[in-house]
Amino acid sequence: MQFKDLNPEAQGALIPVQQLDLFALSLRARLEAFVFKADASLDYLRKQKNEQLKNYLQTTIFDLQCLLNEFEMHDTLQAQ
């Protein structure tokens, strides 16, 4: 289970809007980069490189979990 409680002293701190906007922009850039490299899995499939395909998919799952966590963190920070 993932730890979700923030530091009590930091919970009341406000994040400047400019920093939050930069964070959102970085998330968008990472999401766009993910979309652009999505066809790599098709290349592995066409060349029947199953081991590389499995490694790519496992890495992709991890990357997406991290990205999802960061989008959730952004939403939490924006709601404050």
C-alpha atoms as a PDB file:
ATOM      1  CA  MET A   1       0.000   0.000   0.000  1.00  0.00           C
ATOM      2  CA  GLN A   2       1.243   3.421  -0.888  1.00  0.00           C
ATOM      3  CA  PHE A   3       1.800   5.992   1.866  1.00  0.00           C
ATOM      4  CA  LYS A   4      -0.478   8.972   1.167  1.00  0.00           C
ATOM      5  CA  ASP A   5      -0.208  11.166   4.269  1.00  0.00           C
ATOM      6  CA  LEU A   6       1.766  14.348   3.800  1.00  0.00           C
ATOM      7  CA  ASN A   7       4.017  15.960   6.342  1.00  0.00           C
ATOM      8  CA  PRO A   8       1.642  17.777   8.797  1.00  0.00           C
ATOM      9  CA  GLU A   9       3.700  20.999   8.664  1.00  0.00           C
ATOM     10  CA  ALA A  10       3.663  20.971   4.868  1.00  0.00           C
ATOM     11  CA  GLN A  11      -0.067  20.329   4.501  1.00  0.00           C
ATOM     12  CA  GLY A  12      -0.943  23.935   5.252  1.00  0.00           C
ATOM     13  CA  ALA A  13       1.703  25.373   2.942  1.00  0.00           C
ATOM     14  CA  LEU A  14       0.455  26.917  -0.282  1.00  0.00           C
ATOM     15  CA  ILE A  15       2.172  26.071  -3.551  1.00  0.00           C
ATOM     16  CA  PRO A  16       2.696  29.093  -5.815  1.00  0.00           C
ATOM     17  CA  VAL A  17       0.502  28.913  -8.924  1.00  0.00           C
ATOM     18  CA  GLN A  18       3.505  29.336 -11.216  1.00  0.00           C
ATOM     19  CA  GLN A  19       5.202  26.228  -9.772  1.00  0.00           C
ATOM     20  CA  LEU A  20       1.974  24.249 -10.056  1.00  0.00           C
ATOM     21  CA  ASP A  21       1.626  25.347 -13.694  1.00  0.00           C
ATOM     22  CA  LEU A  22       5.192  24.227 -14.413  1.00  0.00           C
ATOM     23  CA  PHE A  23       4.462  20.884 -12.773  1.00  0.00           C
ATOM     24  CA  ALA A  24       1.347  20.480 -14.964  1.00  0.00           C
ATOM     25  CA  LEU A  25       3.372  21.389 -18.054  1.00  0.00           C
ATOM     26  CA  SER A  26       6.006  18.776 -17.222  1.00  0.00           C
ATOM     27  CA  LEU A  27       3.282  16.149 -16.784  1.00  0.00           C
ATOM     28  CA  ARG A  28       1.847  17.045 -20.171  1.00  0.00           C
ATOM     29  CA  ALA A  29       5.278  16.791 -21.804  1.00  0.00           C
ATOM     30  CA  ARG A  30       5.869  13.360 -20.242  1.00  0.00           C
ATOM     31  CA  LEU A  31       2.459  12.168 -21.415  1.00  0.00           C
ATOM     32  CA  GLU A  32       3.160  13.403 -24.951  1.00  0.00           C
ATOM     33  CA  ALA A  33       6.552  11.654 -24.913  1.00  0.00           C
ATOM     34  CA  PHE A  34       4.826   8.437 -23.869  1.00  0.00           C
ATOM     35  CA  VAL A  35       2.420   8.688 -26.792  1.00  0.00           C
ATOM     36  CA  PHE A  36       5.222   9.321 -29.285  1.00  0.00           C
ATOM     37  CA  LYS A  37       7.184   6.236 -28.235  1.00  0.00           C
ATOM     38  CA  ALA A  38       4.143   3.931 -28.059  1.00  0.00           C
ATOM     39  CA  ASP A  39       4.890   2.390 -31.445  1.00  0.00           C
ATOM     40  CA  ALA A  40       8.124   0.851 -30.116  1.00  0.00           C
ATOM     41  CA  SER A  41       6.120  -2.105 -28.846  1.00  0.00           C
ATOM     42  CA  LEU A  42       4.840  -2.731 -32.387  1.00  0.00           C
ATOM     43  CA  ASP A  43       8.415  -2.806 -33.667  1.00  0.00           C
ATOM     44  CA  TYR A  44       9.331  -5.475 -31.119  1.00  0.00           C
ATOM     45  CA  LEU A  45       6.204  -7.434 -32.044  1.00  0.00           C
ATOM     46  CA  ARG A  46       6.911  -7.280 -35.788  1.00  0.00           C
ATOM     47  CA  LYS A  47      10.491  -8.462 -35.248  1.00  0.00           C
ATOM     48  CA  GLN A  48       9.289 -11.184 -32.849  1.00  0.00           C
ATOM     49  CA  LYS A  49      11.542  -9.941 -30.060  1.00  0.00           C
ATOM     50  CA  ASN A  50       9.321 -11.176 -27.265  1.00  0.00           C
ATOM     51  CA  GLU A  51      11.794 -10.664 -24.426  1.00  0.00           C
ATOM     52  CA  GLN A  52      12.383  -7.029 -25.399  1.00  0.00           C
ATOM     53  CA  LEU A  53       8.637  -6.567 -25.795  1.00  0.00           C
ATOM     54  CA  LYS A  54       7.956  -7.923 -22.299  1.00  0.00           C
ATOM     55  CA  ASN A  55      10.670  -5.684 -20.822  1.00  0.00           C
ATOM     56  CA  TYR A  56       9.265  -2.685 -22.677  1.00  0.00           C
ATOM     57  CA  LEU A  57       5.745  -3.406 -21.430  1.00  0.00           C
ATOM     58  CA  GLN A  58       6.896  -3.837 -17.826  1.00  0.00           C
ATOM     59  CA  THR A  59       8.781  -0.559 -18.011  1.00  0.00           C
ATOM     60  CA  THR A  60       5.759   1.116 -19.570  1.00  0.00           C
ATOM     61  CA  ILE A  61       3.499  -0.123 -16.764  1.00  0.00           C
ATOM     62  CA  PHE A  62       5.897   1.325 -14.185  1.00  0.00           C
ATOM     63  CA  ASP A  63       6.163   4.640 -16.077  1.00  0.00           C
ATOM     64  CA  LEU A  64       2.377   4.923 -16.291  1.00  0.00           C
ATOM     65  CA  GLN A  65       1.964   4.174 -12.581  1.00  0.00           C
ATOM     66  CA  CYS A  66       4.429   6.935 -11.753  1.00  0.00           C
ATOM     67  CA  LEU A  67       2.717   9.329 -14.137  1.00  0.00           C
ATOM     68  CA  LEU A  68      -0.694   8.520 -12.659  1.00  0.00           C
ATOM     69  CA  ASN A  69       0.634   9.127  -9.138  1.00  0.00           C
ATOM     70  CA  GLU A  70       2.008  12.486 -10.223  1.00  0.00           C
ATOM     71  CA  PHE A  71      -1.302  13.488 -11.843  1.00  0.00           C
ATOM     72  CA  GLU A  72      -3.052  12.573  -8.582  1.00  0.00           C
ATOM     73  CA  MET A  73      -0.505  14.630  -6.639  1.00  0.00           C
ATOM     74  CA  HIS A  74      -1.103  17.559  -9.001  1.00  0.00           C
ATOM     75  CA  ASP A  75      -4.861  17.344  -8.448  1.00  0.00           C
ATOM     76  CA  THR A  76      -4.351  17.228  -4.671  1.00  0.00           C
ATOM     77  CA  LEU A  77      -2.038  20.242  -4.732  1.00  0.00           C
ATOM     78  CA  GLN A  78      -4.387  22.158  -7.019  1.00  0.00           C
ATOM     79  CA  ALA A  79      -7.330  21.524  -4.695  1.00  0.00           C
ATOM     80  CA  GLN A  80      -5.533  23.137  -1.753  1.00  0.00           C
END
